Amino acid sequence: MTNLPQCPQCSSEFTYQDGAMFVCPECAHEWSADAAATDEAEPQRVVRDANGNVLQDGDSVTVIKDLKVKGSSLVVKVGTKVKSIRLVDGDHDIDCKIDGIGAMQLKSEFVKKA
């Protein structure tokens, strides 16, 4: 079985090739094989901290601003060190676990690389 790309519209893995085009049977999206090759060559999203340093999975960061925890009376204080971050897609692009608070997501603009 050949390794066909997923549908760029709905991420379906049931795509098939029809001549020079790829077709998705779930959403009926059609795209050319040339477009699929350029999509795979796109660079990964780069996440930067408040100082402009590039962040990667596993880095340690320090919080630069008091952050209220939504739905709680807890506050993440300035200078709190967060170890082993994981980068995720979305508005809050850092997934982490903070001692005394638990698992939460942070925005990269409120941290600096430690």
C-alpha atoms as a PDB file:
ATOM      1  CA  MET A   1       0.000   0.000   0.000  1.00  0.00           C
ATOM      2  CA  THR A   2       1.322   3.446  -0.894  1.00  0.00           C
ATOM      3  CA  ASN A   3       1.795   6.213   1.637  1.00  0.00           C
ATOM      4  CA  LEU A   4      -0.706   8.922   0.623  1.00  0.00           C
ATOM      5  CA  PRO A   5      -0.934  12.287   2.442  1.00  0.00           C
ATOM      6  CA  GLN A   6      -3.814  13.129   4.756  1.00  0.00           C
ATOM      7  CA  CYS A   7      -6.487  15.521   3.567  1.00  0.00           C
ATOM      8  CA  PRO A   8      -5.376  19.126   4.302  1.00  0.00           C
ATOM      9  CA  GLN A   9      -9.019  20.134   4.856  1.00  0.00           C
ATOM     10  CA  CYS A  10     -10.325  17.505   7.298  1.00  0.00           C
ATOM     11  CA  SER A  11      -7.173  15.417   8.081  1.00  0.00           C
ATOM     12  CA  SER A  12      -8.809  12.229   6.828  1.00  0.00           C
ATOM     13  CA  GLU A  13      -6.400   9.381   6.174  1.00  0.00           C
ATOM     14  CA  PHE A  14      -8.654   7.762   3.554  1.00  0.00           C
ATOM     15  CA  THR A  15      -7.397   9.813   0.606  1.00  0.00           C
ATOM     16  CA  TYR A  16      -6.894   8.293  -2.824  1.00  0.00           C
ATOM     17  CA  GLN A  17      -5.144   9.352  -6.011  1.00  0.00           C
ATOM     18  CA  ASP A  18      -7.093  10.087  -9.191  1.00  0.00           C
ATOM     19  CA  GLY A  19      -4.631  10.862 -11.986  1.00  0.00           C
ATOM     20  CA  ALA A  20      -2.588  13.879 -10.915  1.00  0.00           C
ATOM     21  CA  MET A  21      -4.999  14.787  -8.092  1.00  0.00           C
ATOM     22  CA  PHE A  22      -5.562  13.538  -4.562  1.00  0.00           C
ATOM     23  CA  VAL A  23      -9.207  13.190  -3.449  1.00  0.00           C
ATOM     24  CA  CYS A  24     -10.730  12.963   0.026  1.00  0.00           C
ATOM     25  CA  PRO A  25     -13.859  10.762   0.102  1.00  0.00           C
ATOM     26  CA  GLU A  26     -15.065  12.274   3.393  1.00  0.00           C
ATOM     27  CA  CYS A  27     -15.131  15.998   2.545  1.00  0.00           C
ATOM     28  CA  ALA A  28     -14.749  15.791  -1.280  1.00  0.00           C
ATOM     29  CA  HIS A  29     -11.688  18.069  -1.213  1.00  0.00           C
ATOM     30  CA  GLU A  30      -9.359  17.716  -4.212  1.00  0.00           C
ATOM     31  CA  TRP A  31      -5.757  18.922  -4.407  1.00  0.00           C
ATOM     32  CA  SER A  32      -2.826  18.374  -6.730  1.00  0.00           C
ATOM     33  CA  ALA A  33       0.164  16.187  -5.967  1.00  0.00           C
ATOM     34  CA  ASP A  34       2.375  19.282  -6.354  1.00  0.00           C
ATOM     35  CA  ALA A  35       0.451  21.055  -3.584  1.00  0.00           C
ATOM     36  CA  ALA A  36       0.873  18.034  -1.301  1.00  0.00           C
ATOM     37  CA  ALA A  37       4.650  18.140  -1.826  1.00  0.00           C
ATOM     38  CA  THR A  38       4.852  21.838  -0.900  1.00  0.00           C
ATOM     39  CA  ASP A  39       2.675  21.340   2.202  1.00  0.00           C
ATOM     40  CA  GLU A  40       5.119  18.792   3.573  1.00  0.00           C
ATOM     41  CA  ALA A  41       8.027  21.205   3.057  1.00  0.00           C
ATOM     42  CA  GLU A  42       6.483  23.983   5.183  1.00  0.00           C
ATOM     43  CA  PRO A  43       8.566  24.867   8.261  1.00  0.00           C
ATOM     44  CA  GLN A  44       7.354  24.057  11.755  1.00  0.00           C
ATOM     45  CA  ARG A  45       5.878  26.860  13.838  1.00  0.00           C
ATOM     46  CA  VAL A  46       8.487  28.610  15.985  1.00  0.00           C
ATOM     47  CA  VAL A  47       7.531  29.507  19.571  1.00  0.00           C
ATOM     48  CA  ARG A  48       9.502  32.326  21.204  1.00  0.00           C
ATOM     49  CA  ASP A  49       9.593  33.553  24.807  1.00  0.00           C
ATOM     50  CA  ALA A  50       9.183  37.180  25.945  1.00  0.00           C
ATOM     51  CA  ASN A  51      12.842  37.925  25.101  1.00  0.00           C
ATOM     52  CA  GLY A  52      12.694  36.370  21.636  1.00  0.00           C
ATOM     53  CA  ASN A  53      14.520  33.124  22.467  1.00  0.00           C
ATOM     54  CA  VAL A  54      13.285  30.027  20.631  1.00  0.00           C
ATOM     55  CA  LEU A  55      11.576  27.503  22.930  1.00  0.00           C
ATOM     56  CA  GLN A  56      11.657  23.726  22.449  1.00  0.00           C
ATOM     57  CA  ASP A  57      10.049  20.732  24.132  1.00  0.00           C
ATOM     58  CA  GLY A  58      11.778  19.917  27.425  1.00  0.00           C
ATOM     59  CA  ASP A  59      13.093  23.434  28.099  1.00  0.00           C
ATOM     60  CA  SER A  60      12.830  25.106  31.498  1.00  0.00           C
ATOM     61  CA  VAL A  61      11.228  28.536  31.700  1.00  0.00           C
ATOM     62  CA  THR A  62      10.612  31.203  34.346  1.00  0.00           C
ATOM     63  CA  VAL A  63       7.339  33.129  34.716  1.00  0.00           C
ATOM     64  CA  ILE A  64       7.848  36.909  34.301  1.00  0.00           C
ATOM     65  CA  LYS A  65       4.433  38.124  35.479  1.00  0.00           C
ATOM     66  CA  ASP A  66       1.941  37.141  38.199  1.00  0.00           C
ATOM     67  CA  LEU A  67      -0.664  34.961  36.491  1.00  0.00           C
ATOM     68  CA  LYS A  68      -4.092  34.253  37.949  1.00  0.00           C
ATOM     69  CA  VAL A  69      -5.243  30.659  37.535  1.00  0.00           C
ATOM     70  CA  LYS A  70      -8.653  30.683  35.870  1.00  0.00           C
ATOM     71  CA  GLY A  71     -11.397  29.139  38.025  1.00  0.00           C
ATOM     72  CA  SER A  72      -9.277  29.249  41.164  1.00  0.00           C
ATOM     73  CA  SER A  73      -7.940  31.700  43.719  1.00  0.00           C
ATOM     74  CA  LEU A  74      -4.371  30.517  43.076  1.00  0.00           C
ATOM     75  CA  VAL A  75      -1.716  32.736  41.509  1.00  0.00           C
ATOM     76  CA  VAL A  76       1.459  31.714  39.686  1.00  0.00           C
ATOM     77  CA  LYS A  77       4.039  34.147  41.102  1.00  0.00           C
ATOM     78  CA  VAL A  78       6.809  35.967  39.247  1.00  0.00           C
ATOM     79  CA  GLY A  79       9.994  33.887  39.188  1.00  0.00           C
ATOM     80  CA  THR A  80       8.239  30.507  39.332  1.00  0.00           C
ATOM     81  CA  LYS A  81      10.432  28.024  37.464  1.00  0.00           C
ATOM     82  CA  VAL A  82       8.652  25.554  35.200  1.00  0.00           C
ATOM     83  CA  LYS A  83      10.581  22.472  34.063  1.00  0.00           C
ATOM     84  CA  SER A  84      10.012  20.178  31.083  1.00  0.00           C
ATOM     85  CA  ILE A  85       7.588  22.259  29.034  1.00  0.00           C
ATOM     86  CA  ARG A  86       5.758  20.816  26.032  1.00  0.00           C
ATOM     87  CA  LEU A  87       4.847  23.008  23.067  1.00  0.00           C
ATOM     88  CA  VAL A  88       1.299  22.708  21.726  1.00  0.00           C
ATOM     89  CA  ASP A  89      -0.757  24.476  19.072  1.00  0.00           C
ATOM     90  CA  GLY A  90      -3.284  27.084  20.108  1.00  0.00           C
ATOM     91  CA  ASP A  91      -3.492  30.389  21.941  1.00  0.00           C
ATOM     92  CA  HIS A  92      -1.755  28.985  25.037  1.00  0.00           C
ATOM     93  CA  ASP A  93       1.243  27.364  23.417  1.00  0.00           C
ATOM     94  CA  ILE A  94       3.023  25.857  26.463  1.00  0.00           C
ATOM     95  CA  ASP A  95       1.687  22.803  28.282  1.00  0.00           C
ATOM     96  CA  CYS A  96       3.331  22.230  31.672  1.00  0.00           C
ATOM     97  CA  LYS A  97       2.998  21.078  35.256  1.00  0.00           C
ATOM     98  CA  ILE A  98       3.643  23.600  38.042  1.00  0.00           C
ATOM     99  CA  ASP A  99       4.468  22.408  41.561  1.00  0.00           C
ATOM    100  CA  GLY A 100       1.649  23.227  43.984  1.00  0.00           C
ATOM    101  CA  ILE A 101      -0.811  24.070  41.203  1.00  0.00           C
ATOM    102  CA  GLY A 102      -0.816  21.173  38.743  1.00  0.00           C
ATOM    103  CA  ALA A 103      -1.150  20.846  34.992  1.00  0.00           C
ATOM    104  CA  MET A 104      -1.876  24.022  33.082  1.00  0.00           C
ATOM    105  CA  GLN A 105      -1.199  25.888  29.871  1.00  0.00           C
ATOM    106  CA  LEU A 106       0.760  29.131  29.566  1.00  0.00           C
ATOM    107  CA  LYS A 107       1.270  31.726  26.859  1.00  0.00           C
ATOM    108  CA  SER A 108       4.863  32.022  25.709  1.00  0.00           C
ATOM    109  CA  GLU A 109       4.742  35.812  26.039  1.00  0.00           C
ATOM    110  CA  PHE A 110       4.662  35.483  29.854  1.00  0.00           C
ATOM    111  CA  VAL A 111       7.767  33.311  30.260  1.00  0.00           C
ATOM    112  CA  LYS A 112      11.490  33.558  29.617  1.00  0.00           C
ATOM    113  CA  LYS A 113      13.896  30.725  28.927  1.00  0.00           C
ATOM    114  CA  ALA A 114      15.785  29.683  32.060  1.00  0.00           C
END
